[in-house]
Amino acid sequence: MGLGGCIILIAVGAILTFATDWHMQGVNLDVVGLILMAVGIIGVATFSSIARRRRVMVPPTAVVEEDRHRHRDGYTDGYGM
């Protein structure tokens, strides 16, 4: 579940908790909304911590170029070895 899914869970939970006045027998929609908001907040926190770890940059390693061509007999372009 990505960041968008977590935000949708928070929004649906807030709608169920604060914007509805339905009364279903055996189901408390306020508690269901609070649970959905809690799961969404936990998902956002998890997603942001994972994204922060991915953004940590590893220091670049030094690039060492090898001298493949030996300079012999006046040739400097590598031909005539």
PDB file of N, CA and C in Angstrom:
ATOM      1  N   MET A   1       0.858  -1.163   0.000  1.00  0.00           N
ATOM      2  CA  MET A   1       0.000   0.000   0.000  1.00  0.00           C
ATOM      3  C   MET A   1       0.906   1.228   0.000  1.00  0.00           C
ATOM      4  N   GLY A   2       0.656   2.107  -0.909  1.00  0.00           N
ATOM      5  CA  GLY A   2       1.478   3.303  -1.012  1.00  0.00           C
ATOM      6  C   GLY A   2       0.918   4.453  -0.203  1.00  0.00           C
ATOM      7  N   LEU A   3       1.506   5.593  -0.422  1.00  0.00           N
ATOM      8  CA  LEU A   3       1.103   6.786   0.308  1.00  0.00           C
ATOM      9  C   LEU A   3      -0.332   7.179  -0.021  1.00  0.00           C
ATOM     10  N   GLY A   4      -0.727   7.041  -1.262  1.00  0.00           N
ATOM     11  CA  GLY A   4      -2.093   7.374  -1.656  1.00  0.00           C
ATOM     12  C   GLY A   4      -3.134   6.502  -0.955  1.00  0.00           C
ATOM     13  N   GLY A   5      -2.853   5.223  -0.845  1.00  0.00           N
ATOM     14  CA  GLY A   5      -3.764   4.318  -0.139  1.00  0.00           C
ATOM     15  C   GLY A   5      -3.907   4.667   1.326  1.00  0.00           C
ATOM     16  N   CYS A   6      -2.810   5.053   1.944  1.00  0.00           N
ATOM     17  CA  CYS A   6      -2.853   5.453   3.359  1.00  0.00           C
ATOM     18  C   CYS A   6      -3.686   6.715   3.550  1.00  0.00           C
ATOM     19  N   ILE A   7      -3.527   7.659   2.655  1.00  0.00           N
ATOM     20  CA  ILE A   7      -4.303   8.900   2.748  1.00  0.00           C
ATOM     21  C   ILE A   7      -5.786   8.615   2.526  1.00  0.00           C
ATOM     22  N   ILE A   8      -6.103   7.697   1.625  1.00  0.00           N
ATOM     23  CA  ILE A   8      -7.504   7.326   1.409  1.00  0.00           C
ATOM     24  C   ILE A   8      -8.082   6.669   2.656  1.00  0.00           C
ATOM     25  N   LEU A   9      -7.304   5.806   3.328  1.00  0.00           N
ATOM     26  CA  LEU A   9      -7.775   5.202   4.568  1.00  0.00           C
ATOM     27  C   LEU A   9      -8.066   6.259   5.631  1.00  0.00           C
ATOM     28  N   ILE A  10      -7.193   7.238   5.746  1.00  0.00           N
ATOM     29  CA  ILE A  10      -7.406   8.306   6.722  1.00  0.00           C
ATOM     30  C   ILE A  10      -8.673   9.086   6.376  1.00  0.00           C
ATOM     31  N   ALA A  11      -8.869   9.385   5.100  1.00  0.00           N
ATOM     32  CA  ALA A  11     -10.045  10.153   4.685  1.00  0.00           C
ATOM     33  C   ALA A  11     -11.336   9.378   4.916  1.00  0.00           C
ATOM     34  N   VAL A  12     -11.355   8.106   4.551  1.00  0.00           N
ATOM     35  CA  VAL A  12     -12.564   7.294   4.751  1.00  0.00           C
ATOM     36  C   VAL A  12     -12.856   7.144   6.242  1.00  0.00           C
ATOM     37  N   GLY A  13     -11.810   6.939   7.030  1.00  0.00           N
ATOM     38  CA  GLY A  13     -12.007   6.840   8.473  1.00  0.00           C
ATOM     39  C   GLY A  13     -12.551   8.121   9.071  1.00  0.00           C
ATOM     40  N   ALA A  14     -12.057   9.261   8.607  1.00  0.00           N
ATOM     41  CA  ALA A  14     -12.556  10.538   9.110  1.00  0.00           C
ATOM     42  C   ALA A  14     -14.006  10.762   8.700  1.00  0.00           C
ATOM     43  N   ILE A  15     -14.346  10.357   7.484  1.00  0.00           N
ATOM     44  CA  ILE A  15     -15.742  10.496   7.043  1.00  0.00           C
ATOM     45  C   ILE A  15     -16.654   9.618   7.894  1.00  0.00           C
ATOM     46  N   LEU A  16     -16.255   8.370   8.135  1.00  0.00           N
ATOM     47  CA  LEU A  16     -17.087   7.486   8.956  1.00  0.00           C
ATOM     48  C   LEU A  16     -17.213   7.991  10.387  1.00  0.00           C
ATOM     49  N   THR A  17     -16.150   8.578  10.924  1.00  0.00           N
ATOM     50  CA  THR A  17     -16.179   9.013  12.316  1.00  0.00           C
ATOM     51  C   THR A  17     -16.916  10.325  12.500  1.00  0.00           C
ATOM     52  N   PHE A  18     -16.639  11.305  11.649  1.00  0.00           N
ATOM     53  CA  PHE A  18     -17.123  12.656  11.910  1.00  0.00           C
ATOM     54  C   PHE A  18     -18.296  13.103  11.029  1.00  0.00           C
ATOM     55  N   ALA A  19     -18.501  12.490   9.876  1.00  0.00           N
ATOM     56  CA  ALA A  19     -19.486  13.035   8.938  1.00  0.00           C
ATOM     57  C   ALA A  19     -20.717  12.165   8.742  1.00  0.00           C
ATOM     58  N   THR A  20     -20.795  11.043   9.405  1.00  0.00           N
ATOM     59  CA  THR A  20     -21.968  10.189   9.220  1.00  0.00           C
ATOM     60  C   THR A  20     -22.742  10.070  10.524  1.00  0.00           C
ATOM     61  N   ASP A  21     -24.031   9.834  10.378  1.00  0.00           N
ATOM     62  CA  ASP A  21     -24.847   9.576  11.560  1.00  0.00           C
ATOM     63  C   ASP A  21     -25.647   8.288  11.382  1.00  0.00           C
ATOM     64  N   TRP A  22     -25.086   7.364  10.621  1.00  0.00           N
ATOM     65  CA  TRP A  22     -25.730   6.069  10.429  1.00  0.00           C
ATOM     66  C   TRP A  22     -25.608   5.266  11.713  1.00  0.00           C
ATOM     67  N   HIS A  23     -26.586   4.459  11.941  1.00  0.00           N
ATOM     68  CA  HIS A  23     -26.544   3.567  13.097  1.00  0.00           C
ATOM     69  C   HIS A  23     -26.840   2.161  12.603  1.00  0.00           C
ATOM     70  N   MET A  24     -25.820   1.353  12.581  1.00  0.00           N
ATOM     71  CA  MET A  24     -25.980  -0.034  12.170  1.00  0.00           C
ATOM     72  C   MET A  24     -25.991  -0.907  13.412  1.00  0.00           C
ATOM     73  N   GLN A  25     -26.868  -1.871  13.414  1.00  0.00           N
ATOM     74  CA  GLN A  25     -26.950  -2.746  14.568  1.00  0.00           C
ATOM     75  C   GLN A  25     -25.732  -3.680  14.585  1.00  0.00           C
ATOM     76  N   GLY A  26     -24.994  -3.670  15.664  1.00  0.00           N
ATOM     77  CA  GLY A  26     -23.835  -4.544  15.823  1.00  0.00           C
ATOM     78  C   GLY A  26     -22.533  -3.958  15.315  1.00  0.00           C
ATOM     79  N   VAL A  27     -22.566  -2.784  14.684  1.00  0.00           N
ATOM     80  CA  VAL A  27     -21.348  -2.156  14.169  1.00  0.00           C
ATOM     81  C   VAL A  27     -21.327  -0.708  14.613  1.00  0.00           C
ATOM     82  N   ASN A  28     -20.265  -0.324  15.264  1.00  0.00           N
ATOM     83  CA  ASN A  28     -20.092   1.065  15.676  1.00  0.00           C
ATOM     84  C   ASN A  28     -19.209   1.742  14.626  1.00  0.00           C
ATOM     85  N   LEU A  29     -19.781   2.571  13.782  1.00  0.00           N
ATOM     86  CA  LEU A  29     -19.046   3.186  12.683  1.00  0.00           C
ATOM     87  C   LEU A  29     -17.995   4.179  13.175  1.00  0.00           C
ATOM     88  N   ASP A  30     -18.210   4.762  14.360  1.00  0.00           N
ATOM     89  CA  ASP A  30     -17.183   5.652  14.906  1.00  0.00           C
ATOM     90  C   ASP A  30     -15.902   4.886  15.199  1.00  0.00           C
ATOM     91  N   VAL A  31     -16.019   3.694  15.758  1.00  0.00           N
ATOM     92  CA  VAL A  31     -14.838   2.880  16.066  1.00  0.00           C
ATOM     93  C   VAL A  31     -14.184   2.388  14.775  1.00  0.00           C
ATOM     94  N   VAL A  32     -14.995   1.996  13.805  1.00  0.00           N
ATOM     95  CA  VAL A  32     -14.445   1.558  12.516  1.00  0.00           C
ATOM     96  C   VAL A  32     -13.670   2.702  11.865  1.00  0.00           C
ATOM     97  N   GLY A  33     -14.202   3.919  11.915  1.00  0.00           N
ATOM     98  CA  GLY A  33     -13.512   5.080  11.365  1.00  0.00           C
ATOM     99  C   GLY A  33     -12.210   5.374  12.085  1.00  0.00           C
ATOM    100  N   LEU A  34     -12.226   5.258  13.416  1.00  0.00           N
ATOM    101  CA  LEU A  34     -10.989   5.479  14.177  1.00  0.00           C
ATOM    102  C   LEU A  34      -9.929   4.434  13.845  1.00  0.00           C
ATOM    103  N   ILE A  35     -10.363   3.194  13.662  1.00  0.00           N
ATOM    104  CA  ILE A  35      -9.413   2.129  13.299  1.00  0.00           C
ATOM    105  C   ILE A  35      -8.819   2.400  11.919  1.00  0.00           C
ATOM    106  N   LEU A  36      -9.657   2.811  10.972  1.00  0.00           N
ATOM    107  CA  LEU A  36      -9.139   3.110   9.636  1.00  0.00           C
ATOM    108  C   LEU A  36      -8.161   4.281   9.663  1.00  0.00           C
ATOM    109  N   MET A  37      -8.457   5.305  10.444  1.00  0.00           N
ATOM    110  CA  MET A  37      -7.527   6.439  10.544  1.00  0.00           C
ATOM    111  C   MET A  37      -6.208   6.014  11.186  1.00  0.00           C
ATOM    112  N   ALA A  38      -6.283   5.164  12.211  1.00  0.00           N
ATOM    113  CA  ALA A  38      -5.056   4.696  12.871  1.00  0.00           C
ATOM    114  C   ALA A  38      -4.200   3.878  11.907  1.00  0.00           C
ATOM    115  N   VAL A  39      -4.833   2.997  11.141  1.00  0.00           N
ATOM    116  CA  VAL A  39      -4.088   2.192  10.168  1.00  0.00           C
ATOM    117  C   VAL A  39      -3.469   3.084   9.097  1.00  0.00           C
ATOM    118  N   GLY A  40      -4.198   4.101   8.657  1.00  0.00           N
ATOM    119  CA  GLY A  40      -3.663   5.033   7.670  1.00  0.00           C
ATOM    120  C   GLY A  40      -2.478   5.814   8.192  1.00  0.00           C
ATOM    121  N   ILE A  41      -2.556   6.259   9.440  1.00  0.00           N
ATOM    122  CA  ILE A  41      -1.439   7.008  10.032  1.00  0.00           C
ATOM    123  C   ILE A  41      -0.218   6.106  10.199  1.00  0.00           C
ATOM    124  N   ILE A  42      -0.431   4.882  10.626  1.00  0.00           N
ATOM    125  CA  ILE A  42       0.690   3.937  10.749  1.00  0.00           C
ATOM    126  C   ILE A  42       1.307   3.673   9.373  1.00  0.00           C
ATOM    127  N   GLY A  43       0.469   3.553   8.357  1.00  0.00           N
ATOM    128  CA  GLY A  43       0.970   3.340   6.998  1.00  0.00           C
ATOM    129  C   GLY A  43       1.781   4.513   6.494  1.00  0.00           C
ATOM    130  N   VAL A  44       1.326   5.749   6.769  1.00  0.00           N
ATOM    131  CA  VAL A  44       2.084   6.939   6.352  1.00  0.00           C
ATOM    132  C   VAL A  44       3.436   6.973   7.058  1.00  0.00           C
ATOM    133  N   ALA A  45       3.445   6.665   8.354  1.00  0.00           N
ATOM    134  CA  ALA A  45       4.709   6.667   9.099  1.00  0.00           C
ATOM    135  C   ALA A  45       5.666   5.608   8.550  1.00  0.00           C
ATOM    136  N   THR A  46       5.151   4.427   8.261  1.00  0.00           N
ATOM    137  CA  THR A  46       5.993   3.357   7.720  1.00  0.00           C
ATOM    138  C   THR A  46       6.514   3.724   6.336  1.00  0.00           C
ATOM    139  N   PHE A  47       5.641   4.247   5.485  1.00  0.00           N
ATOM    140  CA  PHE A  47       6.044   4.622   4.135  1.00  0.00           C
ATOM    141  C   PHE A  47       7.109   5.720   4.164  1.00  0.00           C
ATOM    142  N   SER A  48       6.933   6.699   5.043  1.00  0.00           N
ATOM    143  CA  SER A  48       7.910   7.792   5.081  1.00  0.00           C
ATOM    144  C   SER A  48       9.256   7.325   5.625  1.00  0.00           C
ATOM    145  N   SER A  49       9.256   6.394   6.582  1.00  0.00           N
ATOM    146  CA  SER A  49      10.539   5.900   7.090  1.00  0.00           C
ATOM    147  C   SER A  49      11.260   5.066   6.041  1.00  0.00           C
ATOM    148  N   ILE A  50      10.516   4.282   5.264  1.00  0.00           N
ATOM    149  CA  ILE A  50      11.136   3.498   4.199  1.00  0.00           C
ATOM    150  C   ILE A  50      11.662   4.419   3.103  1.00  0.00           C
ATOM    151  N   ALA A  51      10.891   5.432   2.757  1.00  0.00           N
ATOM    152  CA  ALA A  51      11.331   6.371   1.722  1.00  0.00           C
ATOM    153  C   ALA A  51      12.551   7.162   2.184  1.00  0.00           C
ATOM    154  N   ARG A  52      12.623   7.479   3.464  1.00  0.00           N
ATOM    155  CA  ARG A  52      13.787   8.210   3.982  1.00  0.00           C
ATOM    156  C   ARG A  52      15.035   7.349   3.888  1.00  0.00           C
ATOM    157  N   ARG A  53      14.904   6.038   4.169  1.00  0.00           N
ATOM    158  CA  ARG A  53      16.057   5.153   4.068  1.00  0.00           C
ATOM    159  C   ARG A  53      16.526   5.001   2.635  1.00  0.00           C
ATOM    160  N   ARG A  54      15.589   5.027   1.681  1.00  0.00           N
ATOM    161  CA  ARG A  54      15.986   4.909   0.284  1.00  0.00           C
ATOM    162  C   ARG A  54      16.705   6.153  -0.206  1.00  0.00           C
ATOM    163  N   ARG A  55      16.393   7.303   0.386  1.00  0.00           N
ATOM    164  CA  ARG A  55      16.999   8.548  -0.060  1.00  0.00           C
ATOM    165  C   ARG A  55      18.390   8.774   0.510  1.00  0.00           C
ATOM    166  N   VAL A  56      18.793   8.014   1.515  1.00  0.00           N
ATOM    167  CA  VAL A  56      20.119   8.190   2.096  1.00  0.00           C
ATOM    168  C   VAL A  56      21.144   7.830   1.039  1.00  0.00           C
ATOM    169  N   MET A  57      22.009   8.763   0.759  1.00  0.00           N
ATOM    170  CA  MET A  57      22.975   8.552  -0.309  1.00  0.00           C
ATOM    171  C   MET A  57      24.239   7.911   0.244  1.00  0.00           C
ATOM    172  N   VAL A  58      24.727   6.938  -0.466  1.00  0.00           N
ATOM    173  CA  VAL A  58      25.981   6.284  -0.118  1.00  0.00           C
ATOM    174  C   VAL A  58      27.104   7.126  -0.719  1.00  0.00           C
ATOM    175  N   PRO A  59      28.159   7.388   0.056  1.00  0.00           N
ATOM    176  CA  PRO A  59      29.249   8.173  -0.508  1.00  0.00           C
ATOM    177  C   PRO A  59      29.816   7.496  -1.749  1.00  0.00           C
ATOM    178  N   PRO A  60      30.075   8.265  -2.776  1.00  0.00           N
ATOM    179  CA  PRO A  60      30.576   7.661  -4.015  1.00  0.00           C
ATOM    180  C   PRO A  60      31.959   7.052  -3.817  1.00  0.00           C
ATOM    181  N   THR A  61      32.182   5.971  -4.517  1.00  0.00           N
ATOM    182  CA  THR A  61      33.486   5.329  -4.430  1.00  0.00           C
ATOM    183  C   THR A  61      34.424   5.973  -5.448  1.00  0.00           C
ATOM    184  N   ALA A  62      35.671   5.899  -5.149  1.00  0.00           N
ATOM    185  CA  ALA A  62      36.663   6.498  -6.044  1.00  0.00           C
ATOM    186  C   ALA A  62      36.799   5.638  -7.300  1.00  0.00           C
ATOM    187  N   VAL A  63      36.848   6.281  -8.428  1.00  0.00           N
ATOM    188  CA  VAL A  63      37.016   5.589  -9.701  1.00  0.00           C
ATOM    189  C   VAL A  63      38.493   5.629 -10.058  1.00  0.00           C
ATOM    190  N   VAL A  64      39.049   4.462 -10.238  1.00  0.00           N
ATOM    191  CA  VAL A  64      40.463   4.361 -10.576  1.00  0.00           C
ATOM    192  C   VAL A  64      40.554   3.847 -11.998  1.00  0.00           C
ATOM    193  N   GLU A  65      41.135   4.649 -12.863  1.00  0.00           N
ATOM    194  CA  GLU A  65      41.302   4.232 -14.237  1.00  0.00           C
ATOM    195  C   GLU A  65      42.687   3.622 -14.404  1.00  0.00           C
ATOM    196  N   GLU A  66      42.717   2.503 -15.067  1.00  0.00           N
ATOM    197  CA  GLU A  66      43.990   1.832 -15.286  1.00  0.00           C
ATOM    198  C   GLU A  66      44.609   2.333 -16.578  1.00  0.00           C
ATOM    199  N   ASP A  67      45.907   2.402 -16.578  1.00  0.00           N
ATOM    200  CA  ASP A  67      46.623   2.779 -17.790  1.00  0.00           C
ATOM    201  C   ASP A  67      46.841   1.500 -18.584  1.00  0.00           C
ATOM    202  N   ARG A  68      46.004   1.254 -19.563  1.00  0.00           N
ATOM    203  CA  ARG A  68      46.062   0.009 -20.320  1.00  0.00           C
ATOM    204  C   ARG A  68      47.135   0.026 -21.396  1.00  0.00           C
ATOM    205  N   HIS A  69      47.465   1.192 -21.869  1.00  0.00           N
ATOM    206  CA  HIS A  69      48.409   1.273 -22.975  1.00  0.00           C
ATOM    207  C   HIS A  69      49.790   1.659 -22.443  1.00  0.00           C
ATOM    208  N   ARG A  70      50.733   0.849 -22.784  1.00  0.00           N
ATOM    209  CA  ARG A  70      52.113   1.157 -22.408  1.00  0.00           C
ATOM    210  C   ARG A  70      52.734   1.983 -23.522  1.00  0.00           C
ATOM    211  N   HIS A  71      53.478   2.972 -23.160  1.00  0.00           N
ATOM    212  CA  HIS A  71      54.125   3.821 -24.149  1.00  0.00           C
ATOM    213  C   HIS A  71      55.480   3.200 -24.501  1.00  0.00           C
ATOM    214  N   ARG A  72      55.572   2.684 -25.709  1.00  0.00           N
ATOM    215  CA  ARG A  72      56.823   2.096 -26.165  1.00  0.00           C
ATOM    216  C   ARG A  72      57.167   2.673 -27.527  1.00  0.00           C
ATOM    217  N   ASP A  73      58.368   2.876 -27.740  1.00  0.00           N
ATOM    218  CA  ASP A  73      58.914   3.275 -29.039  1.00  0.00           C
ATOM    219  C   ASP A  73      58.244   4.530 -29.601  1.00  0.00           C
ATOM    220  N   GLY A  74      57.849   5.447 -28.761  1.00  0.00           N
ATOM    221  CA  GLY A  74      57.322   6.711 -29.244  1.00  0.00           C
ATOM    222  C   GLY A  74      55.849   6.704 -29.585  1.00  0.00           C
ATOM    223  N   TYR A  75      55.196   5.567 -29.499  1.00  0.00           N
ATOM    224  CA  TYR A  75      53.761   5.535 -29.770  1.00  0.00           C
ATOM    225  C   TYR A  75      53.009   5.952 -28.520  1.00  0.00           C
ATOM    226  N   THR A  76      52.149   6.935 -28.649  1.00  0.00           N
ATOM    227  CA  THR A  76      51.423   7.417 -27.468  1.00  0.00           C
ATOM    228  C   THR A  76      49.917   7.165 -27.562  1.00  0.00           C
ATOM    229  N   ASP A  77      49.428   6.732 -28.715  1.00  0.00           N
ATOM    230  CA  ASP A  77      47.988   6.538 -28.835  1.00  0.00           C
ATOM    231  C   ASP A  77      47.542   5.098 -28.604  1.00  0.00           C
ATOM    232  N   GLY A  78      48.466   4.208 -28.292  1.00  0.00           N
ATOM    233  CA  GLY A  78      48.109   2.842 -28.006  1.00  0.00           C
ATOM    234  C   GLY A  78      48.215   1.923 -29.192  1.00  0.00           C
ATOM    235  N   TYR A  79      48.371   2.451 -30.383  1.00  0.00           N
ATOM    236  CA  TYR A  79      48.506   1.613 -31.564  1.00  0.00           C
ATOM    237  C   TYR A  79      49.988   1.246 -31.720  1.00  0.00           C
ATOM    238  N   GLY A  80      50.263   0.088 -32.205  1.00  0.00           N
ATOM    239  CA  GLY A  80      51.636  -0.322 -32.440  1.00  0.00           C
ATOM    240  C   GLY A  80      52.281  -0.948 -31.233  1.00  0.00           C
ATOM    241  N   MET A  81      51.480  -1.468 -30.341  1.00  0.00           N
ATOM    242  CA  MET A  81      52.052  -2.124 -29.166  1.00  0.00           C
ATOM    243  C   MET A  81      52.560  -3.480 -29.521  1.00  0.00           C
TER     244      MET A  81
END
